[in-house]
Amino acid sequence: MSLAYLAVLLFSAAGVLILDARYRLFCWRSPGRAAAVLVVGTAFFLAWDLAGIGLGVFFHGTGQYMTGLMLAPELPLEELVFLLFLCELTMVLVLGAQRVLDRAEARR
């Protein structure tokens, strides 16, 4: 059992959260709304994964960097952490890009 991949995911998520906190883009701008978006987004992608697993499209491969902890057949713990990270990263990128574009428009 290795925690390497999970640690990298958590480290990356921490970096995105630091940027989010610094510029108050998503979680620190409206925590309740951000939590709802993260739950809904993660649930959507988790349902997508479970559908793919059920249809035999998605499989869990073995890897030396994985914890080996499974939430369901073919669904490792790291997948849930990755989906949360994906949703947070997407929202920070979208809201950050919107802020940059709004400031560029205001300068014109």
PDB file of N, CA and C in Angstrom:
ATOM      1  N   MET A   1       0.855  -1.185   0.000  1.00  0.00           N
ATOM      2  CA  MET A   1       0.000   0.000   0.000  1.00  0.00           C
ATOM      3  C   MET A   1       0.892   1.235   0.000  1.00  0.00           C
ATOM      4  N   SER A   2       0.616   2.134  -0.918  1.00  0.00           N
ATOM      5  CA  SER A   2       1.376   3.366  -1.041  1.00  0.00           C
ATOM      6  C   SER A   2       0.419   4.549  -1.002  1.00  0.00           C
ATOM      7  N   LEU A   3       0.859   5.600  -0.394  1.00  0.00           N
ATOM      8  CA  LEU A   3       0.059   6.814  -0.314  1.00  0.00           C
ATOM      9  C   LEU A   3       0.528   7.874  -1.303  1.00  0.00           C
ATOM     10  N   ALA A   4       1.410   7.508  -2.213  1.00  0.00           N
ATOM     11  CA  ALA A   4       2.029   8.491  -3.112  1.00  0.00           C
ATOM     12  C   ALA A   4       0.997   9.239  -3.963  1.00  0.00           C
ATOM     13  N   TYR A   5       0.133   8.525  -4.663  1.00  0.00           N
ATOM     14  CA  TYR A   5      -0.836   9.179  -5.553  1.00  0.00           C
ATOM     15  C   TYR A   5      -1.817  10.019  -4.753  1.00  0.00           C
ATOM     16  N   LEU A   6      -2.303   9.493  -3.641  1.00  0.00           N
ATOM     17  CA  LEU A   6      -3.221  10.246  -2.786  1.00  0.00           C
ATOM     18  C   LEU A   6      -2.533  11.500  -2.253  1.00  0.00           C
ATOM     19  N   ALA A   7      -1.276  11.383  -1.859  1.00  0.00           N
ATOM     20  CA  ALA A   7      -0.532  12.539  -1.355  1.00  0.00           C
ATOM     21  C   ALA A   7      -0.361  13.605  -2.435  1.00  0.00           C
ATOM     22  N   VAL A   8      -0.073  13.188  -3.662  1.00  0.00           N
ATOM     23  CA  VAL A   8       0.074  14.143  -4.769  1.00  0.00           C
ATOM     24  C   VAL A   8      -1.252  14.847  -5.038  1.00  0.00           C
ATOM     25  N   LEU A   9      -2.350  14.104  -5.018  1.00  0.00           N
ATOM     26  CA  LEU A   9      -3.674  14.711  -5.211  1.00  0.00           C
ATOM     27  C   LEU A   9      -3.968  15.734  -4.111  1.00  0.00           C
ATOM     28  N   LEU A  10      -3.707  15.375  -2.875  1.00  0.00           N
ATOM     29  CA  LEU A  10      -3.970  16.288  -1.757  1.00  0.00           C
ATOM     30  C   LEU A  10      -3.055  17.508  -1.799  1.00  0.00           C
ATOM     31  N   PHE A  11      -1.802  17.306  -2.183  1.00  0.00           N
ATOM     32  CA  PHE A  11      -0.864  18.420  -2.310  1.00  0.00           C
ATOM     33  C   PHE A  11      -1.327  19.381  -3.404  1.00  0.00           C
ATOM     34  N   SER A  12      -1.753  18.834  -4.523  1.00  0.00           N
ATOM     35  CA  SER A  12      -2.246  19.655  -5.632  1.00  0.00           C
ATOM     36  C   SER A  12      -3.519  20.394  -5.237  1.00  0.00           C
ATOM     37  N   ALA A  13      -4.410  19.709  -4.555  1.00  0.00           N
ATOM     38  CA  ALA A  13      -5.642  20.344  -4.092  1.00  0.00           C
ATOM     39  C   ALA A  13      -5.335  21.469  -3.106  1.00  0.00           C
ATOM     40  N   ALA A  14      -4.347  21.266  -2.261  1.00  0.00           N
ATOM     41  CA  ALA A  14      -3.958  22.312  -1.317  1.00  0.00           C
ATOM     42  C   ALA A  14      -3.456  23.544  -2.064  1.00  0.00           C
ATOM     43  N   GLY A  15      -2.690  23.339  -3.133  1.00  0.00           N
ATOM     44  CA  GLY A  15      -2.209  24.469  -3.932  1.00  0.00           C
ATOM     45  C   GLY A  15      -3.350  25.241  -4.568  1.00  0.00           C
ATOM     46  N   VAL A  16      -4.336  24.537  -5.091  1.00  0.00           N
ATOM     47  CA  VAL A  16      -5.497  25.202  -5.696  1.00  0.00           C
ATOM     48  C   VAL A  16      -6.288  25.938  -4.626  1.00  0.00           C
ATOM     49  N   LEU A  17      -6.434  25.329  -3.461  1.00  0.00           N
ATOM     50  CA  LEU A  17      -7.162  25.984  -2.366  1.00  0.00           C
ATOM     51  C   LEU A  17      -6.436  27.233  -1.871  1.00  0.00           C
ATOM     52  N   ILE A  18      -5.113  27.204  -1.892  1.00  0.00           N
ATOM     53  CA  ILE A  18      -4.348  28.396  -1.501  1.00  0.00           C
ATOM     54  C   ILE A  18      -4.588  29.532  -2.487  1.00  0.00           C
ATOM     55  N   LEU A  19      -4.561  29.218  -3.784  1.00  0.00           N
ATOM     56  CA  LEU A  19      -4.881  30.236  -4.795  1.00  0.00           C
ATOM     57  C   LEU A  19      -6.315  30.737  -4.642  1.00  0.00           C
ATOM     58  N   ASP A  20      -7.205  29.819  -4.375  1.00  0.00           N
ATOM     59  CA  ASP A  20      -8.609  30.161  -4.166  1.00  0.00           C
ATOM     60  C   ASP A  20      -8.745  31.108  -2.975  1.00  0.00           C
ATOM     61  N   ALA A  21      -8.077  30.801  -1.894  1.00  0.00           N
ATOM     62  CA  ALA A  21      -8.144  31.653  -0.704  1.00  0.00           C
ATOM     63  C   ALA A  21      -7.509  33.017  -0.961  1.00  0.00           C
ATOM     64  N   ARG A  22      -6.386  33.030  -1.655  1.00  0.00           N
ATOM     65  CA  ARG A  22      -5.670  34.286  -1.919  1.00  0.00           C
ATOM     66  C   ARG A  22      -6.514  35.265  -2.725  1.00  0.00           C
ATOM     67  N   TYR A  23      -7.199  34.754  -3.735  1.00  0.00           N
ATOM     68  CA  TYR A  23      -7.968  35.620  -4.621  1.00  0.00           C
ATOM     69  C   TYR A  23      -9.479  35.550  -4.376  1.00  0.00           C
ATOM     70  N   ARG A  24      -9.880  34.789  -3.383  1.00  0.00           N
ATOM     71  CA  ARG A  24     -11.302  34.645  -3.037  1.00  0.00           C
ATOM     72  C   ARG A  24     -12.158  34.379  -4.280  1.00  0.00           C
ATOM     73  N   LEU A  25     -11.832  33.282  -4.933  1.00  0.00           N
ATOM     74  CA  LEU A  25     -12.496  32.962  -6.194  1.00  0.00           C
ATOM     75  C   LEU A  25     -13.737  32.083  -6.012  1.00  0.00           C
ATOM     76  N   PHE A  26     -13.654  31.069  -5.167  1.00  0.00           N
ATOM     77  CA  PHE A  26     -14.727  30.077  -5.114  1.00  0.00           C
ATOM     78  C   PHE A  26     -15.104  29.747  -3.674  1.00  0.00           C
ATOM     79  N   CYS A  27     -14.336  28.919  -3.011  1.00  0.00           N
ATOM     80  CA  CYS A  27     -14.692  28.486  -1.652  1.00  0.00           C
ATOM     81  C   CYS A  27     -14.690  29.643  -0.658  1.00  0.00           C
ATOM     82  N   TRP A  28     -13.747  30.546  -0.783  1.00  0.00           N
ATOM     83  CA  TRP A  28     -13.655  31.650   0.175  1.00  0.00           C
ATOM     84  C   TRP A  28     -14.532  32.834  -0.232  1.00  0.00           C
ATOM     85  N   ARG A  29     -15.115  32.768  -1.386  1.00  0.00           N
ATOM     86  CA  ARG A  29     -16.019  33.831  -1.820  1.00  0.00           C
ATOM     87  C   ARG A  29     -17.437  33.571  -1.319  1.00  0.00           C
ATOM     88  N   SER A  30     -17.876  32.339  -1.452  1.00  0.00           N
ATOM     89  CA  SER A  30     -19.216  31.939  -1.020  1.00  0.00           C
ATOM     90  C   SER A  30     -19.163  30.464  -0.602  1.00  0.00           C
ATOM     91  N   PRO A  31     -18.772  30.198   0.642  1.00  0.00           N
ATOM     92  CA  PRO A  31     -18.533  28.818   1.082  1.00  0.00           C
ATOM     93  C   PRO A  31     -19.747  27.888   0.933  1.00  0.00           C
ATOM     94  N   GLY A  32     -20.935  28.365   1.250  1.00  0.00           N
ATOM     95  CA  GLY A  32     -22.116  27.510   1.147  1.00  0.00           C
ATOM     96  C   GLY A  32     -22.420  27.109  -0.275  1.00  0.00           C
ATOM     97  N   ARG A  33     -22.370  28.098  -1.155  1.00  0.00           N
ATOM     98  CA  ARG A  33     -22.615  27.824  -2.570  1.00  0.00           C
ATOM     99  C   ARG A  33     -21.514  26.933  -3.147  1.00  0.00           C
ATOM    100  N   ALA A  34     -20.284  27.175  -2.748  1.00  0.00           N
ATOM    101  CA  ALA A  34     -19.161  26.362  -3.229  1.00  0.00           C
ATOM    102  C   ALA A  34     -19.311  24.914  -2.771  1.00  0.00           C
ATOM    103  N   ALA A  35     -19.700  24.714  -1.534  1.00  0.00           N
ATOM    104  CA  ALA A  35     -19.895  23.349  -1.026  1.00  0.00           C
ATOM    105  C   ALA A  35     -20.984  22.637  -1.827  1.00  0.00           C
ATOM    106  N   ALA A  36     -22.073  23.343  -2.117  1.00  0.00           N
ATOM    107  CA  ALA A  36     -23.160  22.737  -2.900  1.00  0.00           C
ATOM    108  C   ALA A  36     -22.679  22.365  -4.300  1.00  0.00           C
ATOM    109  N   VAL A  37     -21.921  23.257  -4.938  1.00  0.00           N
ATOM    110  CA  VAL A  37     -21.408  22.982  -6.281  1.00  0.00           C
ATOM    111  C   VAL A  37     -20.450  21.793  -6.250  1.00  0.00           C
ATOM    112  N   LEU A  38     -19.579  21.739  -5.251  1.00  0.00           N
ATOM    113  CA  LEU A  38     -18.641  20.623  -5.143  1.00  0.00           C
ATOM    114  C   LEU A  38     -19.367  19.305  -4.922  1.00  0.00           C
ATOM    115  N   VAL A  39     -20.387  19.294  -4.085  1.00  0.00           N
ATOM    116  CA  VAL A  39     -21.137  18.063  -3.822  1.00  0.00           C
ATOM    117  C   VAL A  39     -21.868  17.615  -5.083  1.00  0.00           C
ATOM    118  N   VAL A  40     -22.558  18.539  -5.743  1.00  0.00           N
ATOM    119  CA  VAL A  40     -23.307  18.180  -6.952  1.00  0.00           C
ATOM    120  C   VAL A  40     -22.359  17.739  -8.074  1.00  0.00           C
ATOM    121  N   GLY A  41     -21.294  18.492  -8.289  1.00  0.00           N
ATOM    122  CA  GLY A  41     -20.333  18.141  -9.337  1.00  0.00           C
ATOM    123  C   GLY A  41     -19.665  16.803  -9.091  1.00  0.00           C
ATOM    124  N   THR A  42     -19.230  16.577  -7.852  1.00  0.00           N
ATOM    125  CA  THR A  42     -18.586  15.303  -7.514  1.00  0.00           C
ATOM    126  C   THR A  42     -19.576  14.155  -7.629  1.00  0.00           C
ATOM    127  N   ALA A  43     -20.815  14.368  -7.179  1.00  0.00           N
ATOM    128  CA  ALA A  43     -21.844  13.324  -7.288  1.00  0.00           C
ATOM    129  C   ALA A  43     -22.112  12.978  -8.754  1.00  0.00           C
ATOM    130  N   PHE A  44     -22.157  13.997  -9.605  1.00  0.00           N
ATOM    131  CA  PHE A  44     -22.366  13.751 -11.043  1.00  0.00           C
ATOM    132  C   PHE A  44     -21.258  12.875 -11.609  1.00  0.00           C
ATOM    133  N   PHE A  45     -20.012  13.250 -11.358  1.00  0.00           N
ATOM    134  CA  PHE A  45     -18.902  12.481 -11.908  1.00  0.00           C
ATOM    135  C   PHE A  45     -18.778  11.106 -11.259  1.00  0.00           C
ATOM    136  N   LEU A  46     -19.157  10.997  -9.988  1.00  0.00           N
ATOM    137  CA  LEU A  46     -19.147   9.704  -9.325  1.00  0.00           C
ATOM    138  C   LEU A  46     -20.205   8.789  -9.950  1.00  0.00           C
ATOM    139  N   ALA A  47     -21.386   9.347 -10.230  1.00  0.00           N
ATOM    140  CA  ALA A  47     -22.427   8.566 -10.904  1.00  0.00           C
ATOM    141  C   ALA A  47     -21.952   8.140 -12.294  1.00  0.00           C
ATOM    142  N   TRP A  48     -21.271   9.044 -12.974  1.00  0.00           N
ATOM    143  CA  TRP A  48     -20.705   8.743 -14.295  1.00  0.00           C
ATOM    144  C   TRP A  48     -19.725   7.569 -14.186  1.00  0.00           C
ATOM    145  N   ASP A  49     -18.837   7.638 -13.193  1.00  0.00           N
ATOM    146  CA  ASP A  49     -17.874   6.559 -12.984  1.00  0.00           C
ATOM    147  C   ASP A  49     -18.576   5.242 -12.671  1.00  0.00           C
ATOM    148  N   LEU A  50     -19.567   5.294 -11.794  1.00  0.00           N
ATOM    149  CA  LEU A  50     -20.275   4.069 -11.422  1.00  0.00           C
ATOM    150  C   LEU A  50     -21.017   3.476 -12.619  1.00  0.00           C
ATOM    151  N   ALA A  51     -21.580   4.328 -13.467  1.00  0.00           N
ATOM    152  CA  ALA A  51     -22.232   3.843 -14.683  1.00  0.00           C
ATOM    153  C   ALA A  51     -21.202   3.185 -15.599  1.00  0.00           C
ATOM    154  N   GLY A  52     -20.050   3.813 -15.753  1.00  0.00           N
ATOM    155  CA  GLY A  52     -18.990   3.233 -16.578  1.00  0.00           C
ATOM    156  C   GLY A  52     -18.479   1.922 -16.020  1.00  0.00           C
ATOM    157  N   ILE A  53     -18.377   1.842 -14.703  1.00  0.00           N
ATOM    158  CA  ILE A  53     -17.950   0.585 -14.064  1.00  0.00           C
ATOM    159  C   ILE A  53     -19.009  -0.491 -14.299  1.00  0.00           C
ATOM    160  N   GLY A  54     -20.273  -0.115 -14.112  1.00  0.00           N
ATOM    161  CA  GLY A  54     -21.360  -1.068 -14.307  1.00  0.00           C
ATOM    162  C   GLY A  54     -21.448  -1.585 -15.734  1.00  0.00           C
ATOM    163  N   LEU A  55     -21.121  -0.730 -16.697  1.00  0.00           N
ATOM    164  CA  LEU A  55     -21.146  -1.131 -18.101  1.00  0.00           C
ATOM    165  C   LEU A  55     -19.869  -1.844 -18.542  1.00  0.00           C
ATOM    166  N   GLY A  56     -18.913  -1.931 -17.647  1.00  0.00           N
ATOM    167  CA  GLY A  56     -17.663  -2.598 -17.975  1.00  0.00           C
ATOM    168  C   GLY A  56     -16.696  -1.752 -18.766  1.00  0.00           C
ATOM    169  N   VAL A  57     -16.901  -0.430 -18.754  1.00  0.00           N
ATOM    170  CA  VAL A  57     -16.028   0.477 -19.500  1.00  0.00           C
ATOM    171  C   VAL A  57     -14.817   0.881 -18.659  1.00  0.00           C
ATOM    172  N   PHE A  58     -15.034   1.147 -17.368  1.00  0.00           N
ATOM    173  CA  PHE A  58     -13.958   1.594 -16.483  1.00  0.00           C
ATOM    174  C   PHE A  58     -13.496   0.440 -15.611  1.00  0.00           C
ATOM    175  N   PHE A  59     -12.188   0.318 -15.483  1.00  0.00           N
ATOM    176  CA  PHE A  59     -11.589  -0.715 -14.647  1.00  0.00           C
ATOM    177  C   PHE A  59     -10.527  -0.080 -13.767  1.00  0.00           C
ATOM    178  N   HIS A  60     -10.344  -0.642 -12.599  1.00  0.00           N
ATOM    179  CA  HIS A  60      -9.275  -0.191 -11.707  1.00  0.00           C
ATOM    180  C   HIS A  60      -8.030  -1.002 -12.010  1.00  0.00           C
ATOM    181  N   GLY A  61      -7.021  -0.318 -12.449  1.00  0.00           N
ATOM    182  CA  GLY A  61      -5.760  -1.006 -12.696  1.00  0.00           C
ATOM    183  C   GLY A  61      -4.935  -1.059 -11.422  1.00  0.00           C
ATOM    184  N   THR A  62      -4.031  -1.962 -11.377  1.00  0.00           N
ATOM    185  CA  THR A  62      -3.152  -2.041 -10.219  1.00  0.00           C
ATOM    186  C   THR A  62      -2.013  -1.063 -10.415  1.00  0.00           C
ATOM    187  N   GLY A  63      -1.605  -0.460  -9.360  1.00  0.00           N
ATOM    188  CA  GLY A  63      -0.503   0.483  -9.420  1.00  0.00           C
ATOM    189  C   GLY A  63       0.238   0.508  -8.103  1.00  0.00           C
ATOM    190  N   GLN A  64       1.517   0.696  -8.182  1.00  0.00           N
ATOM    191  CA  GLN A  64       2.324   0.686  -6.970  1.00  0.00           C
ATOM    192  C   GLN A  64       2.171   1.965  -6.152  1.00  0.00           C
ATOM    193  N   TYR A  65       1.538   2.977  -6.734  1.00  0.00           N
ATOM    194  CA  TYR A  65       1.395   4.257  -6.043  1.00  0.00           C
ATOM    195  C   TYR A  65       0.014   4.447  -5.426  1.00  0.00           C
ATOM    196  N   MET A  66      -0.858   3.454  -5.544  1.00  0.00           N
ATOM    197  CA  MET A  66      -2.228   3.534  -5.044  1.00  0.00           C
ATOM    198  C   MET A  66      -2.314   2.963  -3.629  1.00  0.00           C
ATOM    199  N   THR A  67      -3.300   3.429  -2.872  1.00  0.00           N
ATOM    200  CA  THR A  67      -3.482   2.934  -1.508  1.00  0.00           C
ATOM    201  C   THR A  67      -4.046   1.521  -1.489  1.00  0.00           C
ATOM    202  N   GLY A  68      -4.826   1.184  -2.504  1.00  0.00           N
ATOM    203  CA  GLY A  68      -5.477  -0.119  -2.511  1.00  0.00           C
ATOM    204  C   GLY A  68      -6.819  -0.101  -1.800  1.00  0.00           C
ATOM    205  N   LEU A  69      -7.194   1.044  -1.226  1.00  0.00           N
ATOM    206  CA  LEU A  69      -8.484   1.170  -0.554  1.00  0.00           C
ATOM    207  C   LEU A  69      -9.568   1.391  -1.594  1.00  0.00           C
ATOM    208  N   MET A  70     -10.571   0.531  -1.555  1.00  0.00           N
ATOM    209  CA  MET A  70     -11.640   0.592  -2.547  1.00  0.00           C
ATOM    210  C   MET A  70     -12.933   1.035  -1.877  1.00  0.00           C
ATOM    211  N   LEU A  71     -13.623   1.991  -2.498  1.00  0.00           N
ATOM    212  CA  LEU A  71     -14.917   2.449  -2.001  1.00  0.00           C
ATOM    213  C   LEU A  71     -16.033   1.546  -2.508  1.00  0.00           C
ATOM    214  N   ALA A  72     -15.827   0.961  -3.655  1.00  0.00           N
ATOM    215  CA  ALA A  72     -16.739   0.015  -4.291  1.00  0.00           C
ATOM    216  C   ALA A  72     -15.884  -0.792  -5.262  1.00  0.00           C
ATOM    217  N   PRO A  73     -16.434  -1.876  -5.815  1.00  0.00           N
ATOM    218  CA  PRO A  73     -15.644  -2.610  -6.801  1.00  0.00           C
ATOM    219  C   PRO A  73     -15.219  -1.699  -7.956  1.00  0.00           C
ATOM    220  N   GLU A  74     -13.949  -1.709  -8.252  1.00  0.00           N
ATOM    221  CA  GLU A  74     -13.355  -0.908  -9.341  1.00  0.00           C
ATOM    222  C   GLU A  74     -13.334   0.599  -9.049  1.00  0.00           C
ATOM    223  N   LEU A  75     -13.615   1.019  -7.810  1.00  0.00           N
ATOM    224  CA  LEU A  75     -13.648   2.443  -7.464  1.00  0.00           C
ATOM    225  C   LEU A  75     -12.706   2.711  -6.287  1.00  0.00           C
ATOM    226  N   PRO A  76     -11.478   3.135  -6.580  1.00  0.00           N
ATOM    227  CA  PRO A  76     -10.522   3.389  -5.501  1.00  0.00           C
ATOM    228  C   PRO A  76     -10.800   4.719  -4.788  1.00  0.00           C
ATOM    229  N   LEU A  77     -10.306   4.827  -3.585  1.00  0.00           N
ATOM    230  CA  LEU A  77     -10.433   6.051  -2.785  1.00  0.00           C
ATOM    231  C   LEU A  77      -9.895   7.257  -3.545  1.00  0.00           C
ATOM    232  N   GLU A  78      -8.799   7.068  -4.256  1.00  0.00           N
ATOM    233  CA  GLU A  78      -8.176   8.165  -4.985  1.00  0.00           C
ATOM    234  C   GLU A  78      -9.102   8.781  -6.032  1.00  0.00           C
ATOM    235  N   GLU A  79     -10.020   7.986  -6.559  1.00  0.00           N
ATOM    236  CA  GLU A  79     -10.943   8.503  -7.577  1.00  0.00           C
ATOM    237  C   GLU A  79     -11.868   9.569  -6.977  1.00  0.00           C
ATOM    238  N   LEU A  80     -12.365   9.327  -5.777  1.00  0.00           N
ATOM    239  CA  LEU A  80     -13.217  10.314  -5.114  1.00  0.00           C
ATOM    240  C   LEU A  80     -12.441  11.601  -4.835  1.00  0.00           C
ATOM    241  N   VAL A  81     -11.216  11.470  -4.351  1.00  0.00           N
ATOM    242  CA  VAL A  81     -10.384  12.648  -4.092  1.00  0.00           C
ATOM    243  C   VAL A  81     -10.094  13.382  -5.396  1.00  0.00           C
ATOM    244  N   PHE A  82      -9.806  12.639  -6.454  1.00  0.00           N
ATOM    245  CA  PHE A  82      -9.554  13.256  -7.757  1.00  0.00           C
ATOM    246  C   PHE A  82     -10.774  14.013  -8.261  1.00  0.00           C
ATOM    247  N   LEU A  83     -11.957  13.450  -8.105  1.00  0.00           N
ATOM    248  CA  LEU A  83     -13.178  14.115  -8.574  1.00  0.00           C
ATOM    249  C   LEU A  83     -13.431  15.411  -7.810  1.00  0.00           C
ATOM    250  N   LEU A  84     -13.198  15.396  -6.505  1.00  0.00           N
ATOM    251  CA  LEU A  84     -13.308  16.640  -5.721  1.00  0.00           C
ATOM    252  C   LEU A  84     -12.297  17.668  -6.212  1.00  0.00           C
ATOM    253  N   PHE A  85     -11.069  17.220  -6.428  1.00  0.00           N
ATOM    254  CA  PHE A  85     -10.016  18.101  -6.929  1.00  0.00           C
ATOM    255  C   PHE A  85     -10.379  18.656  -8.303  1.00  0.00           C
ATOM    256  N   LEU A  86     -10.904  17.813  -9.175  1.00  0.00           N
ATOM    257  CA  LEU A  86     -11.289  18.234 -10.516  1.00  0.00           C
ATOM    258  C   LEU A  86     -12.357  19.328 -10.464  1.00  0.00           C
ATOM    259  N   CYS A  87     -13.345  19.156  -9.629  1.00  0.00           N
ATOM    260  CA  CYS A  87     -14.414  20.156  -9.507  1.00  0.00           C
ATOM    261  C   CYS A  87     -13.880  21.473  -8.942  1.00  0.00           C
ATOM    262  N   GLU A  88     -13.053  21.400  -7.914  1.00  0.00           N
ATOM    263  CA  GLU A  88     -12.478  22.620  -7.326  1.00  0.00           C
ATOM    264  C   GLU A  88     -11.592  23.333  -8.344  1.00  0.00           C
ATOM    265  N   LEU A  89     -10.725  22.594  -9.011  1.00  0.00           N
ATOM    266  CA  LEU A  89      -9.828  23.180  -9.998  1.00  0.00           C
ATOM    267  C   LEU A  89     -10.611  23.843 -11.124  1.00  0.00           C
ATOM    268  N   THR A  90     -11.637  23.175 -11.619  1.00  0.00           N
ATOM    269  CA  THR A  90     -12.447  23.728 -12.701  1.00  0.00           C
ATOM    270  C   THR A  90     -13.094  25.040 -12.292  1.00  0.00           C
ATOM    271  N   MET A  91     -13.674  25.072 -11.108  1.00  0.00           N
ATOM    272  CA  MET A  91     -14.340  26.297 -10.653  1.00  0.00           C
ATOM    273  C   MET A  91     -13.336  27.430 -10.453  1.00  0.00           C
ATOM    274  N   VAL A  92     -12.174  27.135  -9.902  1.00  0.00           N
ATOM    275  CA  VAL A  92     -11.153  28.169  -9.707  1.00  0.00           C
ATOM    276  C   VAL A  92     -10.667  28.688 -11.063  1.00  0.00           C
ATOM    277  N   LEU A  93     -10.466  27.797 -12.028  1.00  0.00           N
ATOM    278  CA  LEU A  93     -10.034  28.232 -13.361  1.00  0.00           C
ATOM    279  C   LEU A  93     -11.102  29.076 -14.050  1.00  0.00           C
ATOM    280  N   VAL A  94     -12.351  28.652 -13.983  1.00  0.00           N
ATOM    281  CA  VAL A  94     -13.435  29.396 -14.638  1.00  0.00           C
ATOM    282  C   VAL A  94     -13.616  30.766 -13.991  1.00  0.00           C
ATOM    283  N   LEU A  95     -13.693  30.794 -12.672  1.00  0.00           N
ATOM    284  CA  LEU A  95     -13.906  32.075 -11.989  1.00  0.00           C
ATOM    285  C   LEU A  95     -12.677  32.976 -12.079  1.00  0.00           C
ATOM    286  N   GLY A  96     -11.483  32.382 -12.077  1.00  0.00           N
ATOM    287  CA  GLY A  96     -10.268  33.175 -12.256  1.00  0.00           C
ATOM    288  C   GLY A  96     -10.195  33.775 -13.649  1.00  0.00           C
ATOM    289  N   ALA A  97     -10.527  32.985 -14.667  1.00  0.00           N
ATOM    290  CA  ALA A  97     -10.532  33.500 -16.041  1.00  0.00           C
ATOM    291  C   ALA A  97     -11.579  34.588 -16.204  1.00  0.00           C
ATOM    292  N   GLN A  98     -12.721  34.401 -15.581  1.00  0.00           N
ATOM    293  CA  GLN A  98     -13.775  35.426 -15.646  1.00  0.00           C
ATOM    294  C   GLN A  98     -13.294  36.734 -15.025  1.00  0.00           C
ATOM    295  N   ARG A  99     -12.606  36.629 -13.905  1.00  0.00           N
ATOM    296  CA  ARG A  99     -12.099  37.840 -13.255  1.00  0.00           C
ATOM    297  C   ARG A  99     -11.058  38.542 -14.126  1.00  0.00           C
ATOM    298  N   VAL A 100     -10.164  37.774 -14.735  1.00  0.00           N
ATOM    299  CA  VAL A 100      -9.147  38.360 -15.616  1.00  0.00           C
ATOM    300  C   VAL A 100      -9.811  39.050 -16.804  1.00  0.00           C
ATOM    301  N   LEU A 101     -10.785  38.391 -17.407  1.00  0.00           N
ATOM    302  CA  LEU A 101     -11.482  38.981 -18.555  1.00  0.00           C
ATOM    303  C   LEU A 101     -12.282  40.220 -18.158  1.00  0.00           C
ATOM    304  N   ASP A 102     -12.899  40.197 -17.008  1.00  0.00           N
ATOM    305  CA  ASP A 102     -13.652  41.367 -16.525  1.00  0.00           C
ATOM    306  C   ASP A 102     -12.716  42.559 -16.299  1.00  0.00           C
ATOM    307  N   ARG A 103     -11.543  42.295 -15.736  1.00  0.00           N
ATOM    308  CA  ARG A 103     -10.590  43.395 -15.506  1.00  0.00           C
ATOM    309  C   ARG A 103     -10.035  43.924 -16.817  1.00  0.00           C
ATOM    310  N   ALA A 104      -9.800  43.032 -17.772  1.00  0.00           N
ATOM    311  CA  ALA A 104      -9.309  43.466 -19.085  1.00  0.00           C
ATOM    312  C   ALA A 104     -10.373  44.313 -19.772  1.00  0.00           C
ATOM    313  N   GLU A 105     -11.612  43.943 -19.656  1.00  0.00           N
ATOM    314  CA  GLU A 105     -12.713  44.707 -20.256  1.00  0.00           C
ATOM    315  C   GLU A 105     -12.859  46.059 -19.570  1.00  0.00           C
ATOM    316  N   ALA A 106     -12.673  46.101 -18.271  1.00  0.00           N
ATOM    317  CA  ALA A 106     -12.796  47.368 -17.523  1.00  0.00           C
ATOM    318  C   ALA A 106     -11.672  48.341 -17.905  1.00  0.00           C
ATOM    319  N   ARG A 107     -10.522  47.831 -18.285  1.00  0.00           N
ATOM    320  CA  ARG A 107      -9.411  48.703 -18.678  1.00  0.00           C
ATOM    321  C   ARG A 107      -9.623  49.346 -20.042  1.00  0.00           C
ATOM    322  N   ARG A 108     -10.447  48.728 -20.862  1.00  0.00           N
ATOM    323  CA  ARG A 108     -10.678  49.258 -22.221  1.00  0.00           C
ATOM    324  C   ARG A 108     -11.555  50.423 -22.206  1.00  0.00           C
TER     325      ARG A 108
END
